[in-house]
């Protein structure tokens, strides 16, 4: 998908400058689940270039141009990832605190029941 995008933006439609739209296109492709976030991040880190090079439409120049212009999208995805991880870790801490609170409440209730039995 990345190779096709680069080919279309920089070969098929040479007369139009799409560089300012690359980040928006990449983010929207990820939102629409046309490109996985992991693939985008691996591509940005040049981890999958050897696989892309095998495609008959691959052009190193176009790939690098696309990557350079997608820098904002990559930063956005990484930042969003970090925020999601922080939220998840915060939720886990909240869940643990709630569980501890419930356990303490349960112990208090048991103690109250024992006191009521003694009163009788």
N, C-alpha and C. Protein backbone atom coordinates (compact mmCIF):
# COMPACT_ATOMS: atom_id res chain seq x y z
N UNK A 1 0.82 -1.18 0.00
CA UNK A 1 0.00 0.00 0.00
C UNK A 1 0.88 1.26 0.00
N UNK A 2 1.96 1.21 0.76
CA UNK A 2 2.88 2.35 0.82
C UNK A 2 3.53 2.60 -0.53
N UNK A 3 3.93 1.54 -1.19
CA UNK A 3 4.56 1.67 -2.51
C UNK A 3 3.56 2.27 -3.51
N UNK A 4 2.34 1.79 -3.46
CA UNK A 4 1.31 2.31 -4.36
C UNK A 4 1.01 3.78 -4.09
N UNK A 5 0.95 4.13 -2.83
CA UNK A 5 0.70 5.52 -2.47
C UNK A 5 1.82 6.42 -3.00
N UNK A 6 3.05 6.02 -2.76
CA UNK A 6 4.20 6.80 -3.25
C UNK A 6 4.17 6.91 -4.77
N UNK A 7 3.87 5.81 -5.44
CA UNK A 7 3.82 5.81 -6.90
C UNK A 7 2.75 6.77 -7.41
N UNK A 8 1.56 6.68 -6.83
CA UNK A 8 0.47 7.55 -7.30
C UNK A 8 0.74 9.02 -7.02
N UNK A 9 1.24 9.32 -5.83
CA UNK A 9 1.46 10.72 -5.48
C UNK A 9 2.60 11.37 -6.25
N UNK A 10 3.64 10.59 -6.53
CA UNK A 10 4.83 11.20 -7.11
C UNK A 10 5.12 10.81 -8.56
N UNK A 11 4.37 9.86 -9.10
CA UNK A 11 4.55 9.46 -10.50
C UNK A 11 3.28 9.71 -11.31
N UNK A 12 2.19 9.11 -10.87
CA UNK A 12 0.94 9.23 -11.62
C UNK A 12 0.45 10.68 -11.69
N UNK A 13 0.55 11.37 -10.57
CA UNK A 13 0.07 12.76 -10.50
C UNK A 13 1.23 13.72 -10.27
N UNK A 14 2.23 13.64 -11.11
CA UNK A 14 3.44 14.47 -10.99
C UNK A 14 3.13 15.97 -11.01
N UNK A 15 2.12 16.36 -11.75
CA UNK A 15 1.84 17.79 -11.91
C UNK A 15 1.24 18.43 -10.65
N UNK A 16 0.81 17.61 -9.70
CA UNK A 16 0.21 18.14 -8.47
C UNK A 16 1.15 17.86 -7.29
N UNK A 17 1.33 18.88 -6.44
CA UNK A 17 2.18 18.72 -5.27
C UNK A 17 1.34 18.23 -4.09
N UNK A 18 1.49 16.95 -3.78
CA UNK A 18 0.74 16.34 -2.68
C UNK A 18 1.52 16.30 -1.38
N UNK A 19 2.74 16.81 -1.37
CA UNK A 19 3.61 16.66 -0.20
C UNK A 19 2.97 17.19 1.08
N UNK A 20 2.23 18.28 0.99
CA UNK A 20 1.64 18.84 2.21
C UNK A 20 0.47 18.01 2.73
N UNK A 21 -0.01 17.06 1.95
CA UNK A 21 -1.14 16.22 2.36
C UNK A 21 -0.72 14.82 2.80
N UNK A 22 0.55 14.49 2.68
CA UNK A 22 1.01 13.13 2.95
C UNK A 22 0.68 12.69 4.38
N UNK A 23 0.98 13.53 5.36
CA UNK A 23 0.71 13.14 6.75
C UNK A 23 -0.78 12.90 6.99
N UNK A 24 -1.61 13.76 6.46
CA UNK A 24 -3.06 13.60 6.60
C UNK A 24 -3.53 12.31 5.94
N UNK A 25 -3.00 12.03 4.76
CA UNK A 25 -3.36 10.80 4.05
C UNK A 25 -2.95 9.57 4.86
N UNK A 26 -1.73 9.57 5.39
CA UNK A 26 -1.23 8.42 6.16
C UNK A 26 -2.09 8.20 7.41
N UNK A 27 -2.35 9.26 8.15
CA UNK A 27 -3.16 9.13 9.38
C UNK A 27 -4.57 8.64 9.05
N UNK A 28 -5.16 9.17 8.00
CA UNK A 28 -6.51 8.73 7.63
C UNK A 28 -6.53 7.29 7.12
N UNK A 29 -5.47 6.88 6.47
CA UNK A 29 -5.39 5.47 6.04
C UNK A 29 -5.28 4.56 7.25
N UNK A 30 -4.59 5.02 8.27
CA UNK A 30 -4.47 4.22 9.51
C UNK A 30 -5.82 4.19 10.22
N UNK A 31 -6.51 5.32 10.29
CA UNK A 31 -7.83 5.37 10.93
C UNK A 31 -8.83 4.47 10.21
N UNK A 32 -8.73 4.42 8.90
CA UNK A 32 -9.64 3.59 8.10
C UNK A 32 -9.19 2.14 8.06
N UNK A 33 -8.11 1.85 8.75
CA UNK A 33 -7.55 0.49 8.83
C UNK A 33 -7.08 -0.04 7.48
N UNK A 34 -6.64 0.88 6.63
CA UNK A 34 -6.04 0.48 5.36
C UNK A 34 -4.55 0.21 5.53
N UNK A 35 -3.97 0.86 6.53
CA UNK A 35 -2.57 0.65 6.89
C UNK A 35 -2.51 0.46 8.40
N UNK A 36 -1.84 -0.58 8.83
CA UNK A 36 -1.68 -0.81 10.27
C UNK A 36 -0.64 0.15 10.83
N UNK A 37 -0.90 0.62 12.03
CA UNK A 37 0.02 1.54 12.69
C UNK A 37 1.41 0.94 12.80
N UNK A 38 1.49 -0.35 13.10
CA UNK A 38 2.77 -1.03 13.24
C UNK A 38 3.55 -0.99 11.93
N UNK A 39 2.86 -1.18 10.82
CA UNK A 39 3.50 -1.15 9.51
C UNK A 39 4.03 0.25 9.22
N UNK A 40 3.23 1.26 9.53
CA UNK A 40 3.67 2.64 9.30
C UNK A 40 4.92 2.94 10.12
N UNK A 41 4.93 2.54 11.38
CA UNK A 41 6.09 2.81 12.23
C UNK A 41 7.32 2.03 11.78
N UNK A 42 7.12 0.79 11.36
CA UNK A 42 8.25 0.00 10.83
C UNK A 42 8.78 0.62 9.55
N UNK A 43 7.89 1.07 8.70
CA UNK A 43 8.30 1.72 7.46
C UNK A 43 9.07 3.00 7.76
N UNK A 44 8.58 3.79 8.71
CA UNK A 44 9.25 5.04 9.08
C UNK A 44 10.65 4.79 9.62
N UNK A 45 10.84 3.66 10.29
CA UNK A 45 12.15 3.29 10.83
C UNK A 45 12.99 2.48 9.84
N UNK A 46 12.54 2.38 8.60
CA UNK A 46 13.23 1.68 7.51
C UNK A 46 13.44 0.19 7.78
N UNK A 47 12.52 -0.39 8.54
CA UNK A 47 12.63 -1.81 8.88
C UNK A 47 12.06 -2.73 7.80
N UNK A 48 11.22 -2.21 6.92
CA UNK A 48 10.58 -3.07 5.91
C UNK A 48 10.96 -2.68 4.48
N UNK A 49 11.96 -1.84 4.34
CA UNK A 49 12.35 -1.40 3.00
C UNK A 49 12.74 -2.57 2.08
N UNK A 50 13.38 -3.58 2.65
CA UNK A 50 13.79 -4.72 1.83
C UNK A 50 12.59 -5.44 1.21
N UNK A 51 11.47 -5.47 1.94
CA UNK A 51 10.25 -6.08 1.39
C UNK A 51 9.62 -5.18 0.33
N UNK A 52 9.65 -3.87 0.57
CA UNK A 52 9.06 -2.92 -0.38
C UNK A 52 9.83 -2.90 -1.69
N UNK A 53 11.13 -3.05 -1.60
CA UNK A 53 11.99 -3.01 -2.79
C UNK A 53 11.65 -4.09 -3.80
N UNK A 54 11.00 -5.14 -3.35
CA UNK A 54 10.65 -6.25 -4.24
C UNK A 54 9.46 -5.92 -5.14
N UNK A 55 8.70 -4.90 -4.80
CA UNK A 55 7.52 -4.53 -5.59
C UNK A 55 7.96 -3.85 -6.88
N UNK A 56 7.32 -4.16 -7.97
CA UNK A 56 7.75 -3.63 -9.27
C UNK A 56 7.55 -2.11 -9.40
N UNK A 57 6.70 -1.50 -8.58
CA UNK A 57 6.50 -0.06 -8.63
C UNK A 57 7.41 0.71 -7.66
N UNK A 58 8.22 -0.03 -6.91
CA UNK A 58 9.06 0.62 -5.89
C UNK A 58 10.07 1.57 -6.52
N UNK A 59 10.19 2.73 -5.89
CA UNK A 59 11.21 3.70 -6.26
C UNK A 59 11.79 4.23 -4.95
N UNK A 60 13.07 4.10 -4.77
CA UNK A 60 13.71 4.56 -3.54
C UNK A 60 13.49 6.06 -3.35
N UNK A 61 13.58 6.81 -4.43
CA UNK A 61 13.36 8.26 -4.34
C UNK A 61 11.95 8.58 -3.85
N UNK A 62 10.97 7.93 -4.45
CA UNK A 62 9.58 8.17 -4.05
C UNK A 62 9.32 7.71 -2.62
N UNK A 63 9.90 6.57 -2.26
CA UNK A 63 9.73 6.04 -0.92
C UNK A 63 10.31 7.01 0.12
N UNK A 64 11.51 7.51 -0.16
CA UNK A 64 12.15 8.45 0.76
C UNK A 64 11.39 9.78 0.83
N UNK A 65 10.90 10.23 -0.31
CA UNK A 65 10.12 11.47 -0.35
C UNK A 65 8.84 11.32 0.47
N UNK A 66 8.19 10.17 0.31
CA UNK A 66 6.98 9.90 1.07
C UNK A 66 7.29 9.84 2.56
N UNK A 67 8.34 9.14 2.93
CA UNK A 67 8.74 9.00 4.33
C UNK A 67 9.06 10.37 4.94
N UNK A 68 9.80 11.19 4.20
CA UNK A 68 10.15 12.53 4.70
C UNK A 68 8.90 13.37 4.95
N UNK A 69 7.94 13.28 4.06
CA UNK A 69 6.72 14.07 4.18
C UNK A 69 5.70 13.48 5.15
N UNK A 70 5.93 12.26 5.58
CA UNK A 70 5.03 11.61 6.53
C UNK A 70 5.52 11.75 7.97
N UNK A 71 6.56 12.52 8.18
CA UNK A 71 7.16 12.65 9.52
C UNK A 71 6.14 13.10 10.56
N UNK A 72 5.29 14.06 10.21
CA UNK A 72 4.28 14.53 11.17
C UNK A 72 3.29 13.42 11.53
N UNK A 73 2.91 12.63 10.56
CA UNK A 73 1.98 11.53 10.82
C UNK A 73 2.62 10.52 11.76
N UNK A 74 3.87 10.21 11.54
CA UNK A 74 4.59 9.24 12.38
C UNK A 74 4.68 9.78 13.81
N UNK A 75 5.01 11.05 13.96
CA UNK A 75 5.07 11.67 15.29
C UNK A 75 3.70 11.61 15.96
N UNK A 76 2.66 11.91 15.22
CA UNK A 76 1.30 11.86 15.76
C UNK A 76 0.95 10.46 16.25
N UNK A 77 1.25 9.44 15.44
CA UNK A 77 0.93 8.06 15.81
C UNK A 77 1.72 7.62 17.04
N UNK A 78 2.99 8.00 17.11
CA UNK A 78 3.80 7.65 18.27
C UNK A 78 3.28 8.34 19.53
N UNK A 79 2.91 9.61 19.41
CA UNK A 79 2.39 10.36 20.55
C UNK A 79 1.06 9.75 21.01
N UNK A 80 0.21 9.42 20.06
CA UNK A 80 -1.08 8.81 20.39
C UNK A 80 -0.88 7.47 21.09
N UNK A 81 0.11 6.72 20.62
CA UNK A 81 0.46 5.44 21.23
C UNK A 81 0.86 5.63 22.69
N UNK A 82 1.73 6.61 22.94
CA UNK A 82 2.19 6.88 24.29
C UNK A 82 1.03 7.29 25.19
N UNK A 83 0.15 8.15 24.69
CA UNK A 83 -1.00 8.59 25.48
C UNK A 83 -1.92 7.42 25.80
N UNK A 84 -2.12 6.52 24.83
CA UNK A 84 -2.97 5.35 25.08
C UNK A 84 -2.34 4.44 26.13
N UNK A 85 -1.02 4.27 26.05
CA UNK A 85 -0.33 3.44 27.04
C UNK A 85 -0.43 4.06 28.43
N UNK A 86 -0.28 5.40 28.52
CA UNK A 86 -0.40 6.08 29.80
C UNK A 86 -1.81 5.93 30.36
N UNK A 87 -2.82 6.05 29.50
CA UNK A 87 -4.21 5.88 29.93
C UNK A 87 -4.44 4.47 30.43
N UNK A 88 -3.92 3.49 29.70
CA UNK A 88 -4.10 2.10 30.10
C UNK A 88 -3.43 1.84 31.44
N UNK A 89 -2.20 2.34 31.62
CA UNK A 89 -1.52 2.11 32.89
C UNK A 89 -2.23 2.85 34.01
N UNK A 90 -2.79 4.03 33.72
CA UNK A 90 -3.57 4.77 34.71
C UNK A 90 -4.84 4.04 35.07
N UNK A 91 -5.49 3.43 34.08
CA UNK A 91 -6.71 2.67 34.32
C UNK A 91 -6.40 1.43 35.14
N UNK A 92 -5.28 0.78 34.84
CA UNK A 92 -4.90 -0.41 35.61
C UNK A 92 -4.67 -0.04 37.06
N UNK A 93 -4.01 1.10 37.31
CA UNK A 93 -3.79 1.55 38.68
C UNK A 93 -5.12 1.86 39.36
N UNK A 94 -6.03 2.51 38.64
CA UNK A 94 -7.35 2.81 39.19
C UNK A 94 -8.11 1.53 39.51
N UNK A 95 -8.03 0.55 38.59
CA UNK A 95 -8.71 -0.72 38.80
C UNK A 95 -8.16 -1.43 40.03
N UNK A 96 -6.83 -1.40 40.18
CA UNK A 96 -6.20 -2.03 41.33
C UNK A 96 -6.63 -1.34 42.62
N UNK A 97 -6.69 -0.01 42.59
CA UNK A 97 -7.11 0.74 43.77
C UNK A 97 -8.57 0.42 44.11
N UNK A 98 -9.42 0.31 43.09
CA UNK A 98 -10.82 -0.03 43.32
C UNK A 98 -10.94 -1.43 43.90
N UNK A 99 -10.16 -2.38 43.38
CA UNK A 99 -10.20 -3.75 43.89
C UNK A 99 -9.78 -3.78 45.35
N UNK A 100 -8.73 -3.03 45.69
CA UNK A 100 -8.28 -2.98 47.07
C UNK A 100 -9.36 -2.37 47.95
N UNK A 101 -10.02 -1.34 47.44
CA UNK A 101 -11.11 -0.71 48.19
C UNK A 101 -12.27 -1.66 48.39
N UNK A 102 -12.59 -2.45 47.38
CA UNK A 102 -13.67 -3.43 47.49
C UNK A 102 -13.32 -4.50 48.50
N UNK A 103 -12.06 -4.94 48.51
CA UNK A 103 -11.63 -5.95 49.46
C UNK A 103 -11.76 -5.42 50.87
N UNK A 104 -11.36 -4.17 51.08
CA UNK A 104 -11.46 -3.56 52.40
C UNK A 104 -12.93 -3.44 52.80
N UNK A 105 -13.79 -3.04 51.89
CA UNK A 105 -15.22 -2.94 52.16
C UNK A 105 -15.77 -4.31 52.53
N UNK A 106 -15.36 -5.33 51.84
CA UNK A 106 -15.81 -6.69 52.11
C UNK A 106 -15.39 -7.14 53.50
N UNK A 107 -14.17 -6.78 53.91
CA UNK A 107 -13.69 -7.13 55.23
C UNK A 107 -14.49 -6.41 56.30
N UNK A 108 -14.84 -5.14 56.06
CA UNK A 108 -15.63 -4.37 57.02
C UNK A 108 -17.00 -4.98 57.16
N UNK A 109 -17.60 -5.40 56.04
CA UNK A 109 -18.92 -6.00 56.09
C UNK A 109 -18.90 -7.29 56.87
N UNK A 110 -17.87 -8.10 56.69
CA UNK A 110 -17.76 -9.35 57.43
C UNK A 110 -17.64 -9.06 58.92
N UNK A 111 -16.86 -8.06 59.25
CA UNK A 111 -16.69 -7.67 60.65
C UNK A 111 -18.00 -7.20 61.25
N UNK A 112 -18.79 -6.46 60.51
CA UNK A 112 -20.08 -5.98 60.98
C UNK A 112 -21.01 -7.14 61.23
N UNK A 113 -21.00 -8.15 60.35
CA UNK A 113 -21.86 -9.32 60.51
C UNK A 113 -21.48 -10.08 61.77
N UNK A 114 -20.17 -10.20 62.03
CA UNK A 114 -19.72 -10.91 63.23
C UNK A 114 -20.18 -10.18 64.48
N UNK A 115 -20.12 -8.83 64.46
CA UNK A 115 -20.56 -8.05 65.62
C UNK A 115 -22.05 -8.25 65.86
N UNK A 116 -22.85 -8.29 64.77
CA UNK A 116 -24.28 -8.50 64.91
C UNK A 116 -24.56 -9.86 65.50
N UNK A 117 -23.81 -10.90 65.11
CA UNK A 117 -23.99 -12.24 65.66
C UNK A 117 -23.69 -12.24 67.15
N UNK A 118 -22.69 -11.52 67.58
CA UNK A 118 -22.30 -11.45 68.99
C UNK A 118 -23.39 -10.74 69.80
N UNK A 119 -23.99 -9.72 69.23
CA UNK A 119 -25.03 -8.97 69.94
C UNK A 119 -26.25 -9.84 70.24
N UNK A 120 -26.52 -10.80 69.39
CA UNK A 120 -27.70 -11.65 69.56
C UNK A 120 -27.40 -12.63 70.61
